[in-house]
């Protein structure tokens, strides 16, 4: 394709989550959802102590598509992770966000590309609406020369940035999954929600060329598609996301720690898959930090190593993870200087910490027993 101009948003050496910055900017002026409603109950889509015996969650092809809605605020994000057999790591966010009629919609891509020799490239950019395209009757999203398309049978991601041509093809190893109805509701009328569709384990074929590299790779992948009708930091000030492959065992955990205006202290979801089946789903497992990373400039403290334990219905799991910080991302980094000063004057800060983790997991269940080990990605986002 011909190269097109765009609004630049690259933060060299830091990565850039452009949409995250705009989300934070709008907290002050446009969407005091949680604060305005006082302490509220979360209408979570699952019972934390449910037996999780029905794993047929009715996933439909449309759960991958962009939803045709004019709501504000509203955002959708497609997340993809690739762990190559050779040690290559790639993960990205494709985000479409509409925050207010007073703020232009944001269309952004960020990705991290880490090679086995240690070289790491980080990218983030936002795109003019004229450079974007999406469909509402199938999965198709285009941002500049970057395209995501396909269905649950095959998804293709093409990226042309930083002098690289990256092509990834994702096919299902484990069927897609939606927990319960797939939504967390933030109000009794069920008008505001967080909607998640998981693809817990994917086979991936990849080609990466450019900047003196030319590689054809195989590996494992994970993906999720999130829709939300509220400003994320109105819901949770802390988010942990953990995705790991350990041989034939795959595990993903998402942990939200809701804003104090909600009575629910923690919303957690863990999916464990083995080979081509979902083995276990839990919402009340234990997560315990064992080592902590303190960021002196911000005084933020996040776990760099941790322990996860679960014991329910004949299923037992104990996993330990040791992390190495890959990058720290200032989510306000792409905001214009005067906007950033306003946010900081009122005490708004938000950072994401990305760790590469080595994991050891001991598991016992009727289907699988044994000790597994592997590599994954742990992300912690902290806002105030």
Protein backbone atom coordinates (compact mmCIF):
# COMPACT_ATOMS: atom_id res chain seq x y z
CA UNK A 1 0.00 0.00 0.00
CA UNK A 2 1.06 3.60 -0.48
CA UNK A 3 2.45 5.27 2.62
CA UNK A 4 0.11 7.83 4.15
CA UNK A 5 0.81 10.74 6.46
CA UNK A 6 -0.61 10.67 9.94
CA UNK A 7 -0.68 12.45 13.27
CA UNK A 8 2.46 11.19 14.98
CA UNK A 9 2.21 9.78 18.48
CA UNK A 10 5.35 7.66 18.90
CA UNK A 11 7.03 7.75 22.30
CA UNK A 12 10.54 6.48 21.67
CA UNK A 13 11.65 3.90 24.21
CA UNK A 14 8.43 4.11 26.20
CA UNK A 15 5.70 2.78 23.97
CA UNK A 16 2.50 4.80 23.76
CA UNK A 17 -1.03 4.08 24.81
CA UNK A 18 -2.61 7.08 23.17
CA UNK A 19 -6.16 6.11 23.87
CA UNK A 20 -5.40 5.55 27.54
CA UNK A 21 -4.24 9.15 27.78
CA UNK A 22 -7.44 10.47 26.23
CA UNK A 23 -9.48 8.28 28.51
CA UNK A 24 -7.81 9.85 31.50
CA UNK A 25 -8.17 13.37 30.13
CA UNK A 26 -11.92 12.93 29.89
CA UNK A 27 -12.29 11.81 33.51
CA UNK A 28 -12.21 15.39 34.75
CA UNK A 29 -14.44 17.10 32.26
CA UNK A 30 -16.88 14.62 30.89
CA UNK A 31 -17.56 11.38 32.74
CA UNK A 32 -17.66 11.44 36.55
CA UNK A 33 -19.79 8.27 36.44
CA UNK A 34 -18.74 6.53 39.60
CA UNK A 35 -18.23 9.62 41.72
CA UNK A 36 -21.62 11.04 40.85
CA UNK A 37 -23.44 7.89 41.86
CA UNK A 38 -21.87 7.37 45.30
CA UNK A 39 -21.17 3.88 46.53
CA UNK A 40 -22.74 1.42 44.13
CA UNK A 41 -23.14 -2.28 43.69
CA UNK A 42 -21.39 -4.03 40.83
CA UNK A 43 -23.75 -6.31 38.93
CA UNK A 44 -21.03 -8.78 38.01
CA UNK A 45 -21.75 -11.33 35.30
CA UNK A 46 -20.87 -14.32 37.47
CA UNK A 47 -21.31 -15.67 40.97
CA UNK A 48 -17.81 -15.80 42.55
CA UNK A 49 -18.56 -19.22 44.01
CA UNK A 50 -20.36 -20.76 41.04
CA UNK A 51 -19.23 -24.28 40.12
CA UNK A 52 -18.33 -23.31 36.52
CA UNK A 53 -19.55 -26.60 35.14
CA UNK A 54 -21.21 -25.08 32.06
CA UNK A 55 -18.41 -23.84 29.81
CA UNK A 56 -20.62 -23.49 26.73
CA UNK A 57 -20.99 -19.73 26.88
CA UNK A 58 -22.68 -19.19 23.53
CA UNK A 59 -19.94 -17.30 21.72
CA UNK A 60 -21.08 -15.89 18.41
CA UNK A 61 -19.00 -14.52 15.51
CA UNK A 62 -20.42 -11.05 16.17
CA UNK A 63 -18.60 -10.92 19.52
CA UNK A 64 -15.42 -10.19 17.55
CA UNK A 65 -16.95 -7.40 15.45
CA UNK A 66 -17.05 -3.70 16.09
CA UNK A 67 -20.39 -2.94 17.67
CA UNK A 68 -22.54 -0.46 15.78
CA UNK A 69 -23.37 2.03 18.52
CA UNK A 70 -23.35 5.80 18.85
CA UNK A 71 -22.97 5.74 22.64
CA UNK A 72 -20.56 8.03 24.44
CA UNK A 73 -18.40 7.19 26.17
CA UNK A 74 -17.69 3.95 24.34
CA UNK A 75 -14.53 2.05 23.43
CA UNK A 76 -13.44 -1.26 21.94
CA UNK A 77 -10.02 -2.87 22.18
CA UNK A 78 -8.61 -5.95 20.46
CA UNK A 79 -5.57 -7.39 22.26
CA UNK A 80 -3.26 -9.97 20.65
CA UNK A 81 -0.24 -11.75 22.15
CA UNK A 82 2.29 -13.91 20.27
CA UNK A 83 4.98 -15.98 22.02
CA UNK A 84 7.26 -17.49 19.37
CA UNK A 85 8.91 -20.86 19.86
CA UNK A 86 12.23 -19.05 19.26
CA UNK A 87 11.60 -16.55 22.10
CA UNK A 88 10.13 -13.68 20.07
CA UNK A 89 7.41 -11.77 21.93
CA UNK A 90 4.80 -9.52 20.29
CA UNK A 91 1.68 -7.99 21.79
CA UNK A 92 -0.55 -5.17 20.67
CA UNK A 93 -3.72 -3.18 21.35
CA UNK A 94 -6.00 -1.89 18.59
CA UNK A 95 -8.38 0.63 20.13
CA UNK A 96 -11.34 2.65 18.92
CA UNK A 97 -12.58 5.09 21.55
CA UNK A 98 -15.36 7.66 21.54
CA UNK A 99 -15.32 9.56 24.82
CA UNK A 100 -17.52 12.61 24.37
CA UNK A 101 -19.15 14.72 21.71
CA UNK A 102 -16.61 17.39 22.72
CA UNK A 103 -13.54 15.17 22.18
CA UNK A 104 -12.67 13.72 18.77
CA UNK A 105 -12.86 9.94 18.57
CA UNK A 106 -9.49 8.22 18.97
CA UNK A 107 -8.22 5.42 16.74
CA UNK A 108 -4.93 3.97 17.97
CA UNK A 109 -2.45 1.13 17.71
CA UNK A 110 0.35 0.26 20.10
CA UNK A 111 2.61 -2.76 20.05
CA UNK A 112 5.70 -4.24 21.68
CA UNK A 113 8.12 -6.37 19.68
CA UNK A 114 10.89 -8.14 21.61
CA UNK A 115 13.46 -10.28 19.81
CA UNK A 116 15.34 -13.25 21.31
CA UNK A 117 18.61 -11.28 21.18
CA UNK A 118 17.13 -8.68 23.55
CA UNK A 119 16.33 -5.91 21.06
CA UNK A 120 12.96 -4.34 21.91
CA UNK A 121 10.86 -2.00 19.78
CA UNK A 122 7.88 -0.10 21.10
CA UNK A 123 5.35 1.77 19.02
CA UNK A 124 2.22 3.82 19.55
CA UNK A 125 0.23 6.02 17.22
CA UNK A 126 -3.17 7.56 16.68
CA UNK A 127 -4.74 7.93 13.25
CA UNK A 128 -7.03 10.41 11.56
CA UNK A 129 -10.54 9.14 10.93
CA UNK A 130 -9.90 9.39 7.18
CA UNK A 131 -7.18 6.76 7.59
CA UNK A 132 -9.40 4.29 9.40
CA UNK A 133 -12.06 1.80 8.37
CA UNK A 134 -14.11 -0.79 10.22
CA UNK A 135 -17.04 -3.07 9.54
CA UNK A 136 -20.02 -3.93 11.71
CA UNK A 137 -20.98 -7.16 9.91
CA UNK A 138 -17.60 -8.90 10.23
CA UNK A 139 -14.21 -8.45 11.86
CA UNK A 140 -12.37 -5.81 9.88
CA UNK A 141 -10.43 -2.87 11.33
CA UNK A 142 -7.93 -0.75 9.40
CA UNK A 143 -5.68 1.92 10.92
CA UNK A 144 -3.45 3.38 8.21
CA UNK A 145 -1.70 0.42 6.60
CA UNK A 146 -2.43 -1.84 9.56
CA UNK A 147 -5.30 -4.31 9.20
CA UNK A 148 -7.05 -6.82 11.46
CA UNK A 149 -9.57 -9.13 9.81
CA UNK A 150 -11.06 -12.61 9.90
CA UNK A 151 -13.27 -14.72 12.13
CA UNK A 152 -12.90 -17.32 14.86
CA UNK A 153 -11.56 -19.77 12.28
CA UNK A 154 -8.70 -17.52 11.15
CA UNK A 155 -7.69 -14.00 12.15
CA UNK A 156 -5.03 -12.07 10.26
CA UNK A 157 -3.10 -9.12 11.63
CA UNK A 158 -0.92 -7.07 9.29
CA UNK A 159 1.30 -4.26 10.61
CA UNK A 160 3.56 -1.85 8.73
CA UNK A 161 5.32 0.40 11.23
CA UNK A 162 8.87 1.25 12.36
CA UNK A 163 10.20 -0.18 9.11
CA UNK A 164 8.75 -3.64 9.82
CA UNK A 165 6.24 -5.75 7.96
CA UNK A 166 4.59 -8.03 10.51
CA UNK A 167 2.02 -10.64 9.49
CA UNK A 168 0.40 -12.92 12.04
CA UNK A 169 -2.24 -15.60 11.49
CA UNK A 170 -4.18 -16.83 14.52
CA UNK A 171 -6.17 -20.08 14.52
CA UNK A 172 -8.15 -21.60 17.38
CA UNK A 173 -6.57 -24.20 19.61
CA UNK A 174 -9.17 -23.73 22.39
CA UNK A 175 -12.70 -22.52 21.57
CA UNK A 176 -13.48 -18.86 22.35
CA UNK A 177 -15.09 -18.19 25.69
CA UNK A 178 -17.38 -15.64 27.34
CA UNK A 179 -17.77 -15.84 31.09
CA UNK A 180 -21.47 -16.18 31.82
CA UNK A 181 -23.11 -13.60 29.58
CA UNK A 182 -19.68 -12.01 29.13
CA UNK A 183 -20.47 -8.74 30.89
CA UNK A 184 -19.89 -6.84 34.10
CA UNK A 185 -22.70 -4.31 34.66
CA UNK A 186 -22.07 -1.14 36.59
CA UNK A 187 -25.67 -0.24 37.33
CA UNK A 188 -28.96 -1.91 38.19
CA UNK A 189 -30.45 -0.86 34.86
CA UNK A 190 -27.62 -2.70 33.09
CA UNK A 191 -26.88 0.24 30.81
CA UNK A 192 -23.14 0.49 31.54
CA UNK A 193 -21.05 -2.61 31.04
CA UNK A 194 -17.67 -4.20 30.44
CA UNK A 195 -17.91 -6.94 27.81
CA UNK A 196 -15.09 -9.49 27.30
CA UNK A 197 -14.66 -12.24 24.72
CA UNK A 198 -11.63 -14.46 25.35
CA UNK A 199 -9.62 -16.55 22.92
CA UNK A 200 -7.64 -18.45 25.57
CA UNK A 201 -5.22 -20.33 23.32
CA UNK A 202 -4.31 -19.76 19.67
CA UNK A 203 -1.86 -21.30 17.22
CA UNK A 204 0.14 -18.59 15.48
CA UNK A 205 2.14 -18.38 12.26
CA UNK A 206 4.16 -15.18 11.83
CA UNK A 207 6.51 -13.47 9.42
CA UNK A 208 8.58 -10.48 10.51
CA UNK A 209 10.72 -8.62 8.00
CA UNK A 210 12.54 -5.30 7.86
CA UNK A 211 15.48 -3.59 9.56
CA UNK A 212 17.79 -6.45 8.63
CA UNK A 213 15.48 -9.16 9.92
CA UNK A 214 13.56 -11.79 8.00
CA UNK A 215 11.96 -14.50 10.12
CA UNK A 216 9.23 -17.09 9.62
CA UNK A 217 7.96 -18.17 13.03
CA UNK A 218 5.52 -20.45 14.79
CA UNK A 219 4.21 -20.10 18.29
CA UNK A 220 1.34 -19.67 20.73
CA UNK A 221 -1.07 -16.79 21.10
CA UNK A 222 -3.87 -15.32 23.15
CA UNK A 223 -6.48 -12.65 22.39
CA UNK A 224 -9.37 -10.82 23.95
CA UNK A 225 -11.89 -8.29 22.69
CA UNK A 226 -13.19 -5.75 25.19
CA UNK A 227 -16.13 -3.37 24.84
CA UNK A 228 -16.91 -0.82 27.54
CA UNK A 229 -19.42 1.96 27.94
CA UNK A 230 -17.62 3.94 30.63
CA UNK A 231 -14.27 5.54 31.36
CA UNK A 232 -12.00 2.69 32.55
CA UNK A 233 -10.57 4.59 35.52
CA UNK A 234 -14.09 5.36 36.73
CA UNK A 235 -14.38 1.61 37.26
CA UNK A 236 -10.93 0.44 38.39
CA UNK A 237 -7.81 2.24 39.58
CA UNK A 238 -5.70 -0.94 39.40
CA UNK A 239 -5.74 -3.63 36.72
CA UNK A 240 -3.57 -6.77 36.51
CA UNK A 241 -3.46 -8.86 33.33
CA UNK A 242 -1.50 -12.13 33.20
CA UNK A 243 -1.14 -14.40 30.13
CA UNK A 244 1.12 -17.44 30.17
CA UNK A 245 1.94 -20.58 28.16
CA UNK A 246 3.44 -23.59 29.92
CA UNK A 247 3.82 -26.37 27.37
CA UNK A 248 0.28 -27.67 26.74
CA UNK A 249 -1.13 -25.64 29.64
CA UNK A 250 -2.39 -22.08 29.11
CA UNK A 251 -3.57 -19.61 31.72
CA UNK A 252 -4.93 -16.08 31.67
CA UNK A 253 -5.97 -13.93 34.61
CA UNK A 254 -7.62 -10.51 34.65
CA UNK A 255 -7.96 -8.68 37.97
CA UNK A 256 -9.83 -5.40 38.41
CA UNK A 257 -9.73 -3.55 41.71
CA UNK A 258 -12.80 -1.31 41.46
CA UNK A 259 -12.99 2.32 42.44
CA UNK A 260 -13.86 2.80 46.15
CA UNK A 261 -17.28 4.07 45.10
CA UNK A 262 -18.14 0.41 44.43
CA UNK A 263 -18.65 -2.00 47.30
CA UNK A 264 -16.99 -4.86 45.40
CA UNK A 265 -13.26 -4.88 46.30
CA UNK A 266 -12.08 -7.18 43.50
CA UNK A 267 -13.36 -8.57 40.19
CA UNK A 268 -11.19 -11.46 39.04
CA UNK A 269 -11.35 -14.06 36.30
CA UNK A 270 -8.97 -16.93 35.60
CA UNK A 271 -9.18 -19.32 32.64
CA UNK A 272 -7.01 -22.44 32.51
CA UNK A 273 -6.87 -24.42 29.26
CA UNK A 274 -5.10 -27.67 28.46
CA UNK A 275 -4.42 -28.58 24.85
CA UNK A 276 -7.74 -28.05 23.05
CA UNK A 277 -10.13 -27.69 26.03
CA UNK A 278 -10.92 -25.23 28.79
CA UNK A 279 -9.99 -27.02 32.00
CA UNK A 280 -11.14 -24.60 34.69
CA UNK A 281 -12.61 -21.14 35.25
CA UNK A 282 -12.39 -19.33 38.57
CA UNK A 283 -13.34 -15.95 40.05
CA UNK A 284 -12.12 -16.41 43.61
CA UNK A 285 -8.57 -17.71 43.25
CA UNK A 286 -5.83 -16.21 45.41
CA UNK A 287 -3.29 -13.73 44.05
CA UNK A 288 -0.40 -12.80 46.35
CA UNK A 289 2.49 -10.49 45.48
CA UNK A 290 5.85 -11.90 46.59
CA UNK A 291 8.19 -9.22 45.23
CA UNK A 292 7.35 -5.62 44.43
CA UNK A 293 8.56 -3.05 41.97
CA UNK A 294 8.56 0.51 43.31
CA UNK A 295 8.71 3.35 40.84
CA UNK A 296 10.53 6.23 42.64
CA UNK A 297 9.26 9.05 40.38
CA UNK A 298 5.62 8.13 41.07
CA UNK A 299 5.78 6.09 44.31
CA UNK A 300 3.66 3.50 42.51
CA UNK A 301 4.23 -0.06 43.75
CA UNK A 302 3.21 -3.09 41.68
CA UNK A 303 3.98 -6.79 42.03
CA UNK A 304 6.91 -8.00 39.94
CA UNK A 305 6.64 -11.57 41.25
CA UNK A 306 3.58 -13.31 42.59
CA UNK A 307 1.87 -16.51 43.58
CA UNK A 308 -1.52 -17.75 42.36
CA UNK A 309 -3.37 -20.54 44.15
CA UNK A 310 -6.73 -22.18 43.49
CA UNK A 311 -8.56 -25.10 45.11
CA UNK A 312 -12.11 -25.84 44.01
CA UNK A 313 -14.20 -28.83 42.92
CA UNK A 314 -11.31 -31.30 42.79
CA UNK A 315 -9.08 -28.80 40.97
CA UNK A 316 -5.87 -27.54 42.61
CA UNK A 317 -3.32 -25.14 41.18
CA UNK A 318 -0.30 -23.33 42.55
CA UNK A 319 1.71 -21.08 40.26
CA UNK A 320 4.71 -18.89 41.05
CA UNK A 321 5.87 -16.15 38.68
CA UNK A 322 9.12 -14.16 38.68
CA UNK A 323 9.07 -11.02 36.57
CA UNK A 324 11.53 -8.82 34.74
CA UNK A 325 10.40 -5.26 33.93
CA UNK A 326 10.27 -4.72 30.17
CA UNK A 327 8.89 -1.20 30.14
CA UNK A 328 7.09 1.50 32.06
CA UNK A 329 4.54 3.47 30.05
CA UNK A 330 3.29 6.91 31.04
CA UNK A 331 -0.31 6.80 29.87
CA UNK A 332 -0.34 10.60 29.76
CA UNK A 333 2.72 10.63 27.51
CA UNK A 334 0.73 11.36 24.36
CA UNK A 335 -1.35 14.16 25.88
CA UNK A 336 -0.53 17.69 24.80
CA UNK A 337 1.70 19.49 27.36
CA UNK A 338 -0.96 21.93 28.60
CA UNK A 339 -3.47 19.10 29.02
CA UNK A 340 -0.94 17.00 30.92
CA UNK A 341 -0.21 19.93 33.26
CA UNK A 342 -3.91 20.27 34.02
CA UNK A 343 -4.22 16.58 34.81
CA UNK A 344 -1.15 16.59 37.02
CA UNK A 345 -2.30 19.71 38.88
CA UNK A 346 -5.42 17.85 40.00
CA UNK A 347 -3.37 14.77 40.88
CA UNK A 348 -4.14 12.55 37.86
CA UNK A 349 -1.38 10.09 36.97
CA UNK A 350 -1.54 6.74 35.21
CA UNK A 351 1.19 4.26 34.38
CA UNK A 352 1.43 0.77 32.96
CA UNK A 353 4.20 -1.63 33.96
CA UNK A 354 4.92 -4.55 31.63
CA UNK A 355 6.85 -7.58 32.91
CA UNK A 356 8.15 -10.69 31.21
CA UNK A 357 7.50 -13.52 33.67
CA UNK A 358 8.91 -17.01 34.13
CA UNK A 359 6.27 -19.27 35.66
CA UNK A 360 6.24 -22.62 37.38
CA UNK A 361 2.82 -24.24 37.94
CA UNK A 362 1.84 -27.36 39.84
CA UNK A 363 -1.62 -28.57 38.90
CA UNK A 364 -3.86 -31.43 39.99
CA UNK A 365 -7.19 -32.24 38.39
CA UNK A 366 -9.02 -35.32 37.10
CA UNK A 367 -7.80 -34.49 33.57
CA UNK A 368 -4.27 -33.20 34.19
CA UNK A 369 -1.63 -33.59 36.88
CA UNK A 370 1.94 -32.40 36.91
CA UNK A 371 4.46 -29.58 37.03
CA UNK A 372 4.49 -27.11 34.12
CA UNK A 373 6.75 -24.15 33.36
CA UNK A 374 6.84 -21.42 30.76
CA UNK A 375 6.98 -17.73 29.84
CA UNK A 376 4.35 -15.03 29.66
CA UNK A 377 3.46 -11.37 30.04
CA UNK A 378 2.19 -9.59 33.16
CA UNK A 379 0.83 -6.04 32.91
CA UNK A 380 -0.11 -3.82 35.84
CA UNK A 381 -1.90 -0.50 35.31
CA UNK A 382 -2.10 1.96 38.19
CA UNK A 383 -4.06 5.22 38.12
CA UNK A 384 -4.88 7.87 40.69
